[in-house]
Amino acid sequence: MITLHLVRHAKSDWDGDEADHERRLAARGERAAAAMAVYCRQQGIAPDIVLCSSARRTLETLKILQGGLPDGVSVEVTGDLYEVGASEIVSRLKRIPVKARVAMVIGHNPGMEDAVRLLTGHPAATKFPTGALATLVSSAGWPALGPRTASLRRFVVPKDLV
């Protein structure tokens, strides 16, 4: 059994002068990410590996979330998760080492919500607000992930926590 935690970056600031890749978190996003970090710690969310988009807002979300994750979790920052769709996210998930049983991905929409729908066929996660966390489980294993191979176990949005 594998567990996948998909996290959309927290609310970003629309300064207008920065390129999209360089947008930072808004103060509201920082508060939401901090609440999600507390939630992760309380729920015992302990990924073996975290894959994070290289965008500034995802890196800032990761930095805050790490306060709620176990020390020493393996982190891979990658451009492969920036502005990609569900199929590219799933393709990257298939390359997670088999020994990793729990993974977290910090990325962007619409890819994150489309990945939940693709992997689970679950329409409940059609809205995936900033800072949201979806937890999926699968008996398929990373290399065999595909349409409807996982089930949605949890869907939490920051406004439920603050």
N, C-alpha and C. Protein backbone atom coordinates (compact mmCIF):
# COMPACT_ATOMS: atom_id res chain seq x y z
N MET A 1 0.84 -1.18 0.00
CA MET A 1 0.00 0.00 0.00
C MET A 1 0.89 1.25 0.00
N ILE A 2 0.57 2.19 -0.87
CA ILE A 2 1.29 3.47 -0.90
C ILE A 2 0.32 4.60 -0.55
N THR A 3 0.87 5.67 -0.02
CA THR A 3 0.09 6.85 0.32
C THR A 3 0.68 8.06 -0.38
N LEU A 4 -0.19 8.86 -0.96
CA LEU A 4 0.23 10.06 -1.68
C LEU A 4 -0.51 11.27 -1.11
N HIS A 5 0.26 12.26 -0.71
CA HIS A 5 -0.30 13.52 -0.24
C HIS A 5 -0.04 14.57 -1.31
N LEU A 6 -1.10 15.09 -1.90
CA LEU A 6 -0.97 16.14 -2.90
C LEU A 6 -1.34 17.47 -2.25
N VAL A 7 -0.44 18.43 -2.32
CA VAL A 7 -0.63 19.74 -1.70
C VAL A 7 -0.51 20.81 -2.77
N ARG A 8 -1.54 21.64 -2.87
CA ARG A 8 -1.42 22.81 -3.74
C ARG A 8 -0.72 23.90 -2.93
N HIS A 9 0.19 24.63 -3.55
CA HIS A 9 0.89 25.70 -2.84
C HIS A 9 -0.11 26.63 -2.16
N ALA A 10 0.32 27.28 -1.11
CA ALA A 10 -0.53 28.22 -0.39
C ALA A 10 -0.74 29.48 -1.22
N LYS A 11 -1.64 30.34 -0.76
CA LYS A 11 -2.03 31.54 -1.50
C LYS A 11 -0.82 32.42 -1.80
N SER A 12 -0.68 32.77 -3.07
CA SER A 12 0.46 33.60 -3.48
C SER A 12 0.05 35.05 -3.64
N ASP A 13 1.06 35.89 -3.72
CA ASP A 13 0.87 37.32 -3.86
C ASP A 13 0.95 37.68 -5.34
N TRP A 14 -0.03 38.41 -5.81
CA TRP A 14 -0.06 38.86 -7.21
C TRP A 14 0.50 40.27 -7.28
N ASP A 15 1.81 40.39 -7.21
CA ASP A 15 2.48 41.67 -7.23
C ASP A 15 2.33 42.34 -8.61
N GLY A 16 2.40 41.55 -9.64
CA GLY A 16 2.29 42.08 -11.00
C GLY A 16 3.64 42.35 -11.63
N ASP A 17 4.66 42.62 -10.82
CA ASP A 17 5.99 42.90 -11.37
C ASP A 17 6.84 41.63 -11.51
N GLU A 18 6.46 40.58 -10.81
CA GLU A 18 7.26 39.36 -10.82
C GLU A 18 6.76 38.38 -11.88
N ALA A 19 7.69 37.62 -12.43
CA ALA A 19 7.30 36.53 -13.32
C ALA A 19 6.53 35.51 -12.50
N ASP A 20 5.64 34.76 -13.13
CA ASP A 20 4.81 33.78 -12.42
C ASP A 20 5.65 32.84 -11.56
N HIS A 21 6.75 32.35 -12.09
CA HIS A 21 7.60 31.40 -11.37
C HIS A 21 8.16 32.00 -10.08
N GLU A 22 8.27 33.32 -10.03
CA GLU A 22 8.89 33.99 -8.89
C GLU A 22 7.91 34.58 -7.89
N ARG A 23 6.60 34.32 -8.08
CA ARG A 23 5.63 34.86 -7.13
C ARG A 23 5.83 34.27 -5.74
N ARG A 24 5.75 35.13 -4.72
CA ARG A 24 5.94 34.70 -3.33
C ARG A 24 4.58 34.45 -2.68
N LEU A 25 4.60 33.88 -1.49
CA LEU A 25 3.37 33.67 -0.74
C LEU A 25 2.85 34.99 -0.19
N ALA A 26 1.54 35.10 -0.16
CA ALA A 26 0.89 36.22 0.52
C ALA A 26 0.88 35.91 2.02
N ALA A 27 0.65 36.93 2.83
CA ALA A 27 0.58 36.72 4.29
C ALA A 27 -0.49 35.68 4.62
N ARG A 28 -1.61 35.73 3.91
CA ARG A 28 -2.68 34.74 4.13
C ARG A 28 -2.18 33.33 3.80
N GLY A 29 -1.38 33.22 2.77
CA GLY A 29 -0.81 31.92 2.41
C GLY A 29 0.15 31.40 3.45
N GLU A 30 0.94 32.29 4.02
CA GLU A 30 1.86 31.88 5.07
C GLU A 30 1.10 31.34 6.28
N ARG A 31 0.02 32.02 6.65
CA ARG A 31 -0.80 31.55 7.78
C ARG A 31 -1.45 30.20 7.47
N ALA A 32 -1.94 30.05 6.25
CA ALA A 32 -2.58 28.79 5.86
C ALA A 32 -1.57 27.64 5.86
N ALA A 33 -0.37 27.89 5.33
CA ALA A 33 0.66 26.84 5.31
C ALA A 33 1.07 26.46 6.73
N ALA A 34 1.15 27.45 7.62
CA ALA A 34 1.49 27.16 9.02
C ALA A 34 0.40 26.30 9.67
N ALA A 35 -0.86 26.60 9.39
CA ALA A 35 -1.96 25.79 9.92
C ALA A 35 -1.89 24.37 9.37
N MET A 36 -1.54 24.25 8.09
CA MET A 36 -1.44 22.92 7.48
C MET A 36 -0.25 22.15 8.07
N ALA A 37 0.83 22.84 8.41
CA ALA A 37 1.98 22.18 9.05
C ALA A 37 1.57 21.60 10.41
N VAL A 38 0.82 22.37 11.18
CA VAL A 38 0.32 21.88 12.47
C VAL A 38 -0.57 20.66 12.24
N TYR A 39 -1.45 20.74 11.25
CA TYR A 39 -2.34 19.62 10.93
C TYR A 39 -1.52 18.38 10.56
N CYS A 40 -0.51 18.55 9.73
CA CYS A 40 0.33 17.41 9.31
C CYS A 40 0.97 16.75 10.53
N ARG A 41 1.49 17.57 11.44
CA ARG A 41 2.11 17.03 12.65
C ARG A 41 1.09 16.29 13.50
N GLN A 42 -0.09 16.88 13.68
CA GLN A 42 -1.14 16.25 14.50
C GLN A 42 -1.63 14.94 13.89
N GLN A 43 -1.68 14.87 12.57
CA GLN A 43 -2.18 13.68 11.88
C GLN A 43 -1.09 12.64 11.62
N GLY A 44 0.13 12.96 11.96
CA GLY A 44 1.23 12.00 11.75
C GLY A 44 1.59 11.82 10.29
N ILE A 45 1.40 12.84 9.50
CA ILE A 45 1.77 12.75 8.08
C ILE A 45 3.28 12.77 7.98
N ALA A 46 3.84 11.68 7.47
CA ALA A 46 5.28 11.49 7.47
C ALA A 46 5.75 10.91 6.14
N PRO A 47 5.91 11.77 5.13
CA PRO A 47 6.36 11.25 3.84
C PRO A 47 7.81 10.78 3.87
N ASP A 48 8.08 9.78 3.06
CA ASP A 48 9.45 9.33 2.85
C ASP A 48 10.16 10.27 1.89
N ILE A 49 9.38 10.86 0.98
CA ILE A 49 9.93 11.75 -0.03
C ILE A 49 8.93 12.86 -0.31
N VAL A 50 9.46 14.07 -0.54
CA VAL A 50 8.65 15.21 -0.95
C VAL A 50 9.17 15.68 -2.29
N LEU A 51 8.26 15.76 -3.26
CA LEU A 51 8.58 16.32 -4.56
C LEU A 51 7.95 17.71 -4.61
N CYS A 52 8.73 18.71 -4.95
CA CYS A 52 8.24 20.08 -4.90
C CYS A 52 8.59 20.80 -6.20
N SER A 53 7.61 21.49 -6.75
CA SER A 53 7.85 22.34 -7.90
C SER A 53 8.94 23.37 -7.57
N SER A 54 9.63 23.81 -8.57
CA SER A 54 10.72 24.78 -8.37
C SER A 54 10.23 26.22 -8.24
N ALA A 55 8.94 26.47 -8.37
CA ALA A 55 8.42 27.83 -8.24
C ALA A 55 8.60 28.35 -6.82
N ARG A 56 8.80 29.64 -6.70
CA ARG A 56 9.06 30.25 -5.39
C ARG A 56 7.93 29.98 -4.40
N ARG A 57 6.67 30.09 -4.83
CA ARG A 57 5.55 29.91 -3.90
C ARG A 57 5.45 28.47 -3.39
N THR A 58 5.85 27.49 -4.20
CA THR A 58 5.84 26.10 -3.71
C THR A 58 7.00 25.88 -2.75
N LEU A 59 8.15 26.48 -3.04
CA LEU A 59 9.30 26.34 -2.14
C LEU A 59 9.02 26.99 -0.79
N GLU A 60 8.33 28.14 -0.80
CA GLU A 60 7.98 28.79 0.45
C GLU A 60 6.94 27.97 1.22
N THR A 61 6.01 27.36 0.49
CA THR A 61 5.03 26.47 1.13
C THR A 61 5.75 25.29 1.77
N LEU A 62 6.68 24.69 1.03
CA LEU A 62 7.47 23.57 1.55
C LEU A 62 8.21 23.96 2.82
N LYS A 63 8.86 25.11 2.80
CA LYS A 63 9.65 25.53 3.97
C LYS A 63 8.78 25.60 5.22
N ILE A 64 7.58 26.13 5.08
CA ILE A 64 6.66 26.22 6.23
C ILE A 64 6.15 24.83 6.62
N LEU A 65 5.76 24.03 5.62
CA LEU A 65 5.25 22.68 5.91
C LEU A 65 6.27 21.79 6.60
N GLN A 66 7.54 22.00 6.30
CA GLN A 66 8.57 21.16 6.90
C GLN A 66 8.55 21.21 8.42
N GLY A 67 7.99 22.28 8.99
CA GLY A 67 7.84 22.35 10.44
C GLY A 67 6.89 21.29 10.98
N GLY A 68 6.04 20.73 10.12
CA GLY A 68 5.10 19.71 10.55
C GLY A 68 5.45 18.32 10.08
N LEU A 69 6.58 18.20 9.39
CA LEU A 69 7.02 16.91 8.85
C LEU A 69 8.21 16.39 9.64
N PRO A 70 8.47 15.10 9.59
CA PRO A 70 9.62 14.56 10.31
C PRO A 70 10.94 15.16 9.81
N ASP A 71 11.90 15.28 10.71
CA ASP A 71 13.22 15.76 10.32
C ASP A 71 13.85 14.79 9.33
N GLY A 72 14.60 15.33 8.40
CA GLY A 72 15.37 14.50 7.49
C GLY A 72 14.60 13.90 6.33
N VAL A 73 13.35 14.33 6.09
CA VAL A 73 12.60 13.80 4.96
C VAL A 73 13.34 14.18 3.68
N SER A 74 13.42 13.26 2.75
CA SER A 74 14.07 13.50 1.47
C SER A 74 13.22 14.46 0.63
N VAL A 75 13.84 15.53 0.13
CA VAL A 75 13.15 16.54 -0.67
C VAL A 75 13.81 16.65 -2.04
N GLU A 76 12.98 16.62 -3.07
CA GLU A 76 13.47 16.82 -4.42
C GLU A 76 12.72 18.00 -5.04
N VAL A 77 13.45 19.06 -5.34
CA VAL A 77 12.88 20.23 -6.01
C VAL A 77 13.07 20.02 -7.50
N THR A 78 11.98 20.17 -8.26
CA THR A 78 12.04 19.87 -9.68
C THR A 78 11.19 20.81 -10.52
N GLY A 79 11.71 21.18 -11.66
CA GLY A 79 10.93 21.95 -12.62
C GLY A 79 9.90 21.10 -13.33
N ASP A 80 9.98 19.78 -13.17
CA ASP A 80 9.04 18.85 -13.81
C ASP A 80 7.61 19.01 -13.30
N LEU A 81 7.43 19.72 -12.20
CA LEU A 81 6.09 19.86 -11.61
C LEU A 81 5.51 21.27 -11.78
N TYR A 82 6.21 22.12 -12.52
CA TYR A 82 5.75 23.49 -12.73
C TYR A 82 4.94 23.57 -14.02
N GLU A 83 3.70 24.07 -13.89
CA GLU A 83 2.80 24.25 -15.04
C GLU A 83 2.61 22.96 -15.85
N VAL A 84 2.34 21.86 -15.16
CA VAL A 84 2.10 20.59 -15.84
C VAL A 84 0.71 20.07 -15.50
N GLY A 85 0.24 19.19 -16.35
CA GLY A 85 -1.07 18.57 -16.14
C GLY A 85 -0.97 17.28 -15.37
N ALA A 86 -2.12 16.66 -15.21
CA ALA A 86 -2.22 15.43 -14.42
C ALA A 86 -1.35 14.32 -14.97
N SER A 87 -1.31 14.16 -16.27
CA SER A 87 -0.54 13.04 -16.84
C SER A 87 0.95 13.20 -16.55
N GLU A 88 1.46 14.43 -16.57
CA GLU A 88 2.88 14.65 -16.25
C GLU A 88 3.14 14.41 -14.77
N ILE A 89 2.19 14.79 -13.91
CA ILE A 89 2.35 14.53 -12.48
C ILE A 89 2.38 13.03 -12.23
N VAL A 90 1.46 12.29 -12.82
CA VAL A 90 1.41 10.84 -12.64
C VAL A 90 2.68 10.20 -13.19
N SER A 91 3.15 10.69 -14.33
CA SER A 91 4.39 10.16 -14.91
C SER A 91 5.56 10.33 -13.94
N ARG A 92 5.63 11.47 -13.27
CA ARG A 92 6.70 11.70 -12.29
C ARG A 92 6.52 10.79 -11.07
N LEU A 93 5.27 10.59 -10.64
CA LEU A 93 5.00 9.71 -9.50
C LEU A 93 5.46 8.28 -9.78
N LYS A 94 5.34 7.84 -11.00
CA LYS A 94 5.73 6.47 -11.37
C LYS A 94 7.22 6.23 -11.17
N ARG A 95 8.00 7.31 -11.08
CA ARG A 95 9.45 7.19 -10.92
C ARG A 95 9.90 7.31 -9.46
N ILE A 96 8.94 7.40 -8.54
CA ILE A 96 9.31 7.42 -7.12
C ILE A 96 9.91 6.06 -6.77
N PRO A 97 11.01 6.03 -6.02
CA PRO A 97 11.61 4.74 -5.65
C PRO A 97 10.59 3.83 -4.96
N VAL A 98 10.61 2.58 -5.32
CA VAL A 98 9.65 1.60 -4.79
C VAL A 98 9.72 1.51 -3.27
N LYS A 99 10.91 1.72 -2.69
CA LYS A 99 11.05 1.63 -1.23
C LYS A 99 10.29 2.74 -0.50
N ALA A 100 9.98 3.83 -1.19
CA ALA A 100 9.21 4.92 -0.58
C ALA A 100 7.74 4.50 -0.52
N ARG A 101 7.17 4.49 0.65
CA ARG A 101 5.77 4.08 0.81
C ARG A 101 4.82 5.27 0.91
N VAL A 102 5.37 6.44 1.30
CA VAL A 102 4.56 7.64 1.46
C VAL A 102 5.27 8.80 0.76
N ALA A 103 4.54 9.49 -0.12
CA ALA A 103 5.11 10.62 -0.84
C ALA A 103 4.20 11.83 -0.71
N MET A 104 4.81 13.00 -0.80
CA MET A 104 4.08 14.26 -0.83
C MET A 104 4.53 15.02 -2.06
N VAL A 105 3.58 15.62 -2.76
CA VAL A 105 3.88 16.46 -3.91
C VAL A 105 3.31 17.84 -3.63
N ILE A 106 4.14 18.86 -3.80
CA ILE A 106 3.68 20.25 -3.65
C ILE A 106 3.74 20.88 -5.02
N GLY A 107 2.55 21.24 -5.54
CA GLY A 107 2.49 21.73 -6.91
C GLY A 107 1.40 22.76 -7.11
N HIS A 108 0.88 22.77 -8.33
CA HIS A 108 0.00 23.84 -8.81
C HIS A 108 -1.29 23.28 -9.40
N ASN A 109 -2.25 24.16 -9.53
CA ASN A 109 -3.47 23.83 -10.26
C ASN A 109 -3.37 24.35 -11.68
N PRO A 110 -4.07 23.73 -12.61
CA PRO A 110 -5.09 22.71 -12.43
C PRO A 110 -4.53 21.29 -12.31
N GLY A 111 -3.23 21.13 -12.41
CA GLY A 111 -2.63 19.80 -12.39
C GLY A 111 -2.94 18.99 -11.16
N MET A 112 -2.93 19.62 -9.98
CA MET A 112 -3.15 18.88 -8.75
C MET A 112 -4.57 18.33 -8.69
N GLU A 113 -5.57 19.19 -8.94
CA GLU A 113 -6.95 18.68 -8.85
C GLU A 113 -7.25 17.70 -9.97
N ASP A 114 -6.66 17.90 -11.13
CA ASP A 114 -6.85 16.94 -12.22
C ASP A 114 -6.20 15.60 -11.90
N ALA A 115 -5.07 15.63 -11.20
CA ALA A 115 -4.41 14.38 -10.81
C ALA A 115 -5.27 13.60 -9.83
N VAL A 116 -5.91 14.31 -8.88
CA VAL A 116 -6.81 13.63 -7.94
C VAL A 116 -7.94 12.97 -8.70
N ARG A 117 -8.55 13.71 -9.61
CA ARG A 117 -9.67 13.14 -10.38
C ARG A 117 -9.21 11.96 -11.25
N LEU A 118 -8.05 12.09 -11.87
CA LEU A 118 -7.53 11.02 -12.72
C LEU A 118 -7.26 9.76 -11.91
N LEU A 119 -6.54 9.92 -10.80
CA LEU A 119 -6.13 8.76 -10.01
C LEU A 119 -7.28 8.10 -9.26
N THR A 120 -8.29 8.88 -8.88
CA THR A 120 -9.36 8.34 -8.05
C THR A 120 -10.70 8.23 -8.76
N GLY A 121 -10.90 9.04 -9.79
CA GLY A 121 -12.22 9.13 -10.40
C GLY A 121 -13.21 9.82 -9.49
N HIS A 122 -12.71 10.48 -8.43
CA HIS A 122 -13.54 11.09 -7.40
C HIS A 122 -13.86 12.53 -7.76
N PRO A 123 -15.13 12.86 -7.96
CA PRO A 123 -15.48 14.23 -8.33
C PRO A 123 -15.47 15.22 -7.17
N ALA A 124 -15.37 14.75 -5.94
CA ALA A 124 -15.47 15.64 -4.78
C ALA A 124 -14.33 16.66 -4.73
N ALA A 125 -13.21 16.34 -5.30
CA ALA A 125 -12.07 17.26 -5.25
C ALA A 125 -12.00 18.12 -6.51
N THR A 126 -13.15 18.46 -7.08
CA THR A 126 -13.13 19.28 -8.29
C THR A 126 -12.61 20.68 -8.01
N LYS A 127 -12.77 21.17 -6.81
CA LYS A 127 -12.19 22.45 -6.41
C LYS A 127 -11.03 22.15 -5.48
N PHE A 128 -9.87 22.65 -5.82
CA PHE A 128 -8.66 22.38 -5.05
C PHE A 128 -8.03 23.73 -4.70
N PRO A 129 -8.54 24.39 -3.65
CA PRO A 129 -8.06 25.74 -3.34
C PRO A 129 -6.59 25.75 -2.92
N THR A 130 -6.01 26.93 -2.93
CA THR A 130 -4.62 27.06 -2.50
C THR A 130 -4.47 26.53 -1.08
N GLY A 131 -3.38 25.82 -0.86
CA GLY A 131 -3.08 25.26 0.45
C GLY A 131 -3.78 23.96 0.79
N ALA A 132 -4.63 23.47 -0.10
CA ALA A 132 -5.38 22.24 0.17
C ALA A 132 -4.48 21.01 0.15
N LEU A 133 -4.92 19.99 0.87
CA LEU A 133 -4.22 18.70 0.95
C LEU A 133 -5.18 17.58 0.62
N ALA A 134 -4.81 16.76 -0.35
CA ALA A 134 -5.57 15.55 -0.67
C ALA A 134 -4.68 14.36 -0.37
N THR A 135 -5.21 13.37 0.33
CA THR A 135 -4.48 12.16 0.63
C THR A 135 -5.12 11.00 -0.13
N LEU A 136 -4.30 10.31 -0.91
CA LEU A 136 -4.76 9.17 -1.70
C LEU A 136 -4.00 7.93 -1.25
N VAL A 137 -4.64 6.78 -1.35
CA VAL A 137 -3.97 5.51 -1.09
C VAL A 137 -4.18 4.59 -2.29
N SER A 138 -3.21 3.71 -2.48
CA SER A 138 -3.30 2.77 -3.61
C SER A 138 -2.54 1.49 -3.28
N SER A 139 -3.07 0.40 -3.75
CA SER A 139 -2.35 -0.87 -3.63
C SER A 139 -1.57 -1.16 -4.91
N ALA A 140 -1.66 -0.25 -5.88
CA ALA A 140 -1.02 -0.47 -7.18
C ALA A 140 0.49 -0.31 -7.13
N GLY A 141 1.01 0.54 -6.26
CA GLY A 141 2.44 0.84 -6.26
C GLY A 141 2.74 1.96 -7.25
N TRP A 142 3.86 2.64 -7.05
CA TRP A 142 4.20 3.80 -7.87
C TRP A 142 4.25 3.50 -9.36
N PRO A 143 4.94 2.45 -9.81
CA PRO A 143 5.04 2.23 -11.26
C PRO A 143 3.70 1.93 -11.94
N ALA A 144 2.74 1.43 -11.18
CA ALA A 144 1.45 1.04 -11.77
C ALA A 144 0.36 2.09 -11.59
N LEU A 145 0.68 3.25 -11.04
CA LEU A 145 -0.35 4.29 -10.87
C LEU A 145 -0.95 4.68 -12.21
N GLY A 146 -2.24 4.89 -12.20
CA GLY A 146 -2.94 5.29 -13.41
C GLY A 146 -4.37 5.63 -13.08
N PRO A 147 -5.20 5.79 -14.09
CA PRO A 147 -6.59 6.15 -13.85
C PRO A 147 -7.29 5.17 -12.90
N ARG A 148 -7.93 5.74 -11.90
CA ARG A 148 -8.73 5.01 -10.92
C ARG A 148 -7.98 3.89 -10.19
N THR A 149 -6.69 4.11 -9.94
CA THR A 149 -5.92 3.12 -9.19
C THR A 149 -5.73 3.52 -7.73
N ALA A 150 -6.33 4.64 -7.33
CA ALA A 150 -6.19 5.12 -5.96
C ALA A 150 -7.56 5.52 -5.42
N SER A 151 -7.61 5.67 -4.11
CA SER A 151 -8.85 6.16 -3.51
C SER A 151 -8.52 7.38 -2.65
N LEU A 152 -9.49 8.29 -2.58
CA LEU A 152 -9.32 9.52 -1.81
C LEU A 152 -9.65 9.23 -0.36
N ARG A 153 -8.69 9.46 0.54
CA ARG A 153 -8.89 9.22 1.96
C ARG A 153 -9.13 10.49 2.76
N ARG A 154 -8.61 11.62 2.25
CA ARG A 154 -8.73 12.86 3.01
C ARG A 154 -8.66 14.02 2.04
N PHE A 155 -9.44 15.06 2.33
CA PHE A 155 -9.35 16.31 1.58
C PHE A 155 -9.56 17.44 2.58
N VAL A 156 -8.52 18.22 2.81
CA VAL A 156 -8.54 19.27 3.82
C VAL A 156 -8.17 20.59 3.16
N VAL A 157 -8.93 21.63 3.47
CA VAL A 157 -8.62 22.97 2.96
C VAL A 157 -8.25 23.86 4.14
N PRO A 158 -7.39 24.84 3.92
CA PRO A 158 -6.92 25.68 5.04
C PRO A 158 -8.04 26.35 5.83
N LYS A 159 -9.11 26.76 5.17
CA LYS A 159 -10.16 27.46 5.94
C LYS A 159 -10.82 26.54 6.96
N ASP A 160 -10.66 25.21 6.80
CA ASP A 160 -11.16 24.28 7.82
C ASP A 160 -10.26 24.26 9.05
N LEU A 161 -9.04 24.79 8.91
CA LEU A 161 -8.05 24.70 9.97
C LEU A 161 -7.80 26.02 10.70
N VAL A 162 -8.15 27.13 10.09
CA VAL A 162 -7.85 28.44 10.72
C VAL A 162 -9.12 29.13 11.17
